[in-house]
N, C-alpha and C. Protein backbone atom coordinates (compact mmCIF):
# COMPACT_ATOMS: atom_id res chain seq x y z
N MET A 1 126.98 142.13 119.01
CA MET A 1 127.44 142.93 117.90
C MET A 1 128.93 142.66 117.69
N ASN A 2 129.32 142.39 116.47
CA ASN A 2 130.73 142.11 116.21
C ASN A 2 131.52 143.40 115.99
N ASP A 3 132.84 143.26 115.92
CA ASP A 3 133.70 144.43 115.78
C ASP A 3 133.39 145.24 114.53
N LYS A 4 133.12 144.55 113.42
CA LYS A 4 132.82 145.26 112.17
C LYS A 4 131.57 146.13 112.33
N SER A 5 130.55 145.60 113.00
CA SER A 5 129.33 146.37 113.22
C SER A 5 129.61 147.58 114.12
N LEU A 6 130.45 147.37 115.13
CA LEU A 6 130.79 148.49 116.01
C LEU A 6 131.52 149.59 115.25
N TYR A 7 132.47 149.20 114.43
CA TYR A 7 133.21 150.19 113.65
C TYR A 7 132.29 150.88 112.64
N SER A 8 131.42 150.13 112.00
CA SER A 8 130.47 150.72 111.05
C SER A 8 129.54 151.70 111.75
N ASN A 9 129.03 151.31 112.90
CA ASN A 9 128.14 152.19 113.67
C ASN A 9 128.88 153.44 114.15
N ALA A 10 130.13 153.26 114.56
CA ALA A 10 130.93 154.39 115.01
C ALA A 10 131.18 155.36 113.85
N ALA A 11 131.55 154.83 112.69
CA ALA A 11 131.80 155.68 111.53
C ALA A 11 130.53 156.44 111.14
N GLU A 12 129.42 155.75 111.16
CA GLU A 12 128.14 156.39 110.82
C GLU A 12 127.81 157.50 111.81
N ALA A 13 128.01 157.25 113.09
CA ALA A 13 127.73 158.26 114.11
C ALA A 13 128.64 159.48 113.95
N ILE A 14 129.89 159.23 113.61
CA ILE A 14 130.85 160.32 113.41
C ILE A 14 130.45 161.17 112.21
N VAL A 15 130.11 160.55 111.12
CA VAL A 15 129.73 161.30 109.91
C VAL A 15 128.46 162.11 110.18
N LYS A 16 127.51 161.52 110.88
CA LYS A 16 126.27 162.25 111.19
C LYS A 16 126.54 163.46 112.08
N ALA A 17 127.42 163.29 113.07
CA ALA A 17 127.75 164.40 113.96
C ALA A 17 128.46 165.52 113.20
N GLN A 18 129.37 165.12 112.31
CA GLN A 18 130.06 166.13 111.50
C GLN A 18 129.09 166.81 110.53
N GLU A 19 128.17 166.03 109.99
CA GLU A 19 127.18 166.59 109.07
C GLU A 19 126.32 167.66 109.74
N ALA A 20 126.01 167.45 111.01
CA ALA A 20 125.20 168.43 111.74
C ALA A 20 125.91 169.77 111.86
N ILE A 21 127.23 169.73 111.77
CA ILE A 21 128.02 170.96 111.90
C ILE A 21 128.41 171.55 110.54
N ILE A 22 128.89 170.68 109.64
CA ILE A 22 129.45 171.19 108.38
C ILE A 22 128.62 170.83 107.15
N GLY A 23 127.51 170.16 107.36
CA GLY A 23 126.62 169.83 106.26
C GLY A 23 127.15 168.73 105.35
N PRO A 24 126.78 168.76 104.08
CA PRO A 24 127.13 167.70 103.13
C PRO A 24 128.63 167.48 102.95
N LEU A 25 129.42 168.47 103.30
CA LEU A 25 130.88 168.32 103.21
C LEU A 25 131.36 167.14 104.05
N ALA A 26 130.65 166.82 105.11
CA ALA A 26 131.02 165.69 105.96
C ALA A 26 131.04 164.40 105.17
N HIS A 27 130.08 164.22 104.29
CA HIS A 27 130.02 163.01 103.46
C HIS A 27 131.10 163.03 102.39
N ASP A 28 131.38 164.20 101.84
CA ASP A 28 132.44 164.31 100.83
C ASP A 28 133.78 163.89 101.42
N ILE A 29 134.05 164.33 102.64
CA ILE A 29 135.30 163.97 103.31
C ILE A 29 135.33 162.48 103.61
N ALA A 30 134.24 161.95 104.13
CA ALA A 30 134.18 160.52 104.47
C ALA A 30 134.33 159.64 103.23
N ASP A 31 133.75 160.07 102.13
CA ASP A 31 133.82 159.28 100.90
C ASP A 31 135.25 159.14 100.37
N LYS A 32 136.13 160.01 100.78
CA LYS A 32 137.53 159.96 100.33
C LYS A 32 138.38 159.01 101.17
N VAL A 33 137.80 158.47 102.25
CA VAL A 33 138.54 157.54 103.10
C VAL A 33 138.42 156.14 102.52
N VAL A 34 139.54 155.57 102.15
CA VAL A 34 139.56 154.22 101.59
C VAL A 34 139.09 153.23 102.65
N GLY A 35 138.09 152.41 102.30
CA GLY A 35 137.57 151.40 103.21
C GLY A 35 136.41 151.85 104.07
N ILE A 36 135.91 153.05 103.84
CA ILE A 36 134.83 153.59 104.68
C ILE A 36 133.56 152.74 104.61
N ASP A 37 133.36 152.01 103.53
CA ASP A 37 132.17 151.17 103.42
C ASP A 37 132.22 149.94 104.33
N ASN A 38 133.39 149.57 104.77
CA ASN A 38 133.57 148.43 105.66
C ASN A 38 134.71 148.75 106.63
N PRO A 39 134.48 149.73 107.52
CA PRO A 39 135.57 150.26 108.32
C PRO A 39 136.09 149.30 109.40
N ASP A 40 137.38 149.47 109.69
CA ASP A 40 138.01 148.80 110.81
C ASP A 40 138.66 149.89 111.66
N LYS A 41 139.48 149.49 112.62
CA LYS A 41 140.13 150.46 113.51
C LYS A 41 140.93 151.49 112.72
N LYS A 42 141.71 151.03 111.75
CA LYS A 42 142.56 151.91 110.96
C LYS A 42 141.72 152.92 110.16
N VAL A 43 140.67 152.44 109.54
CA VAL A 43 139.80 153.31 108.72
C VAL A 43 139.10 154.34 109.61
N LEU A 44 138.66 153.92 110.77
CA LEU A 44 138.01 154.83 111.70
C LEU A 44 138.98 155.95 112.10
N GLY A 45 140.22 155.58 112.37
CA GLY A 45 141.24 156.58 112.69
C GLY A 45 141.49 157.53 111.54
N GLU A 46 141.53 157.00 110.33
CA GLU A 46 141.75 157.82 109.14
C GLU A 46 140.60 158.80 108.94
N LEU A 47 139.39 158.35 109.19
CA LEU A 47 138.22 159.22 109.07
C LEU A 47 138.35 160.42 110.01
N VAL A 48 138.68 160.16 111.26
CA VAL A 48 138.82 161.24 112.24
C VAL A 48 139.97 162.16 111.86
N LYS A 49 141.06 161.59 111.38
CA LYS A 49 142.21 162.41 110.97
C LYS A 49 141.86 163.32 109.80
N ARG A 50 141.03 162.84 108.90
CA ARG A 50 140.60 163.67 107.76
C ARG A 50 139.82 164.89 108.26
N TYR A 51 138.88 164.65 109.18
CA TYR A 51 138.13 165.78 109.74
C TYR A 51 139.07 166.72 110.49
N GLU A 52 140.00 166.16 111.23
CA GLU A 52 140.94 166.98 111.99
C GLU A 52 141.79 167.84 111.06
N SER A 53 142.22 167.28 109.94
CA SER A 53 143.08 168.04 109.03
C SER A 53 142.36 169.24 108.42
N VAL A 54 141.05 169.15 108.34
CA VAL A 54 140.28 170.25 107.76
C VAL A 54 139.78 171.22 108.84
N PHE A 55 139.35 170.69 109.98
CA PHE A 55 138.67 171.52 110.99
C PHE A 55 139.33 171.55 112.36
N GLY A 56 140.46 170.86 112.53
CA GLY A 56 141.20 170.94 113.77
C GLY A 56 140.68 170.07 114.90
N GLN A 57 141.19 170.36 116.09
CA GLN A 57 140.90 169.55 117.27
C GLN A 57 139.42 169.55 117.64
N ALA A 58 138.71 170.60 117.34
CA ALA A 58 137.28 170.64 117.65
C ALA A 58 136.54 169.50 116.96
N SER A 59 136.96 169.17 115.75
CA SER A 59 136.30 168.07 115.03
C SER A 59 136.60 166.73 115.68
N VAL A 60 137.81 166.59 116.25
CA VAL A 60 138.15 165.35 116.96
C VAL A 60 137.24 165.20 118.18
N GLU A 61 137.03 166.28 118.90
CA GLU A 61 136.16 166.23 120.08
C GLU A 61 134.73 165.91 119.67
N THR A 62 134.29 166.42 118.54
CA THR A 62 132.96 166.10 118.03
C THR A 62 132.86 164.60 117.74
N CYS A 63 133.91 164.05 117.16
CA CYS A 63 133.93 162.61 116.86
C CYS A 63 133.86 161.78 118.14
N LYS A 64 134.63 162.19 119.14
CA LYS A 64 134.62 161.47 120.43
C LYS A 64 133.22 161.51 121.06
N ASP A 65 132.61 162.69 121.03
CA ASP A 65 131.26 162.83 121.58
C ASP A 65 130.26 161.99 120.81
N ALA A 66 130.45 161.89 119.50
CA ALA A 66 129.52 161.15 118.64
C ALA A 66 129.46 159.67 118.98
N ILE A 67 130.56 159.12 119.47
CA ILE A 67 130.57 157.68 119.74
C ILE A 67 130.39 157.32 121.21
N LYS A 68 130.29 158.31 122.08
CA LYS A 68 130.14 158.04 123.52
C LYS A 68 128.94 157.14 123.83
N SER A 69 127.80 157.45 123.29
CA SER A 69 126.60 156.65 123.59
C SER A 69 126.72 155.25 123.01
N LEU A 70 127.33 155.16 121.85
CA LEU A 70 127.56 153.86 121.22
C LEU A 70 128.45 152.99 122.10
N LEU A 71 129.49 153.58 122.63
CA LEU A 71 130.41 152.84 123.50
C LEU A 71 129.72 152.43 124.80
N ALA A 72 128.88 153.31 125.31
CA ALA A 72 128.17 153.02 126.55
C ALA A 72 127.20 151.85 126.38
N LYS A 73 126.60 151.75 125.20
CA LYS A 73 125.63 150.68 124.94
C LYS A 73 126.28 149.35 124.59
N SER A 74 127.53 149.40 124.17
CA SER A 74 128.21 148.19 123.73
C SER A 74 128.53 147.28 124.91
N GLU A 75 128.32 146.00 124.71
CA GLU A 75 128.60 145.03 125.76
C GLU A 75 130.07 144.63 125.77
N LYS A 76 130.79 145.03 124.74
CA LYS A 76 132.20 144.71 124.70
C LYS A 76 132.99 145.96 124.38
N ASP A 77 134.25 145.95 124.75
CA ASP A 77 135.11 147.08 124.45
C ASP A 77 135.47 147.09 122.99
N ILE A 78 135.49 148.25 122.41
CA ILE A 78 135.91 148.40 121.03
C ILE A 78 137.35 148.94 121.06
N ASP A 79 138.19 148.36 120.24
CA ASP A 79 139.57 148.78 120.13
C ASP A 79 139.62 150.03 119.26
N LEU A 80 139.68 151.18 119.91
CA LEU A 80 139.63 152.45 119.19
C LEU A 80 141.01 152.91 118.74
N PRO A 81 141.05 153.64 117.65
CA PRO A 81 142.31 154.23 117.24
C PRO A 81 142.74 155.27 118.30
N GLU A 82 144.01 155.50 118.39
CA GLU A 82 144.55 156.40 119.42
C GLU A 82 143.91 157.77 119.41
N ILE A 83 143.60 158.30 118.24
CA ILE A 83 143.03 159.64 118.14
C ILE A 83 141.67 159.75 118.82
N LEU A 84 140.97 158.63 119.01
CA LEU A 84 139.65 158.64 119.67
C LEU A 84 139.70 158.27 121.15
N GLN A 85 140.88 158.05 121.66
CA GLN A 85 140.99 157.64 123.07
C GLN A 85 141.15 158.82 123.99
C-alpha cells in the first residue's frame, strides 16, 4: 500500500469514527478541508484540526483511535501529522 492509500484510508477511518459520534456533520466538516479527496500528511492534519476546533481534544482522541488498527495492519510506517502522534 502506498502513502496516498494510507492517508486516504486514514482520512476515511477518521470521518467514519466522527460520523458515529456527530452524524452527518462529520462529512460537512471533512468536505471543507481542501484536498480531502486526495489527502496527504498536511491534509490529514488539517482534517483532525477541523474536528478539534469544533469538538475539542476528545475529537482528536477519537481520530487517533480510528487509525490505530490501520496503523497496526500497515507494513510500513506512515508519516503522521504531529496532532495524531
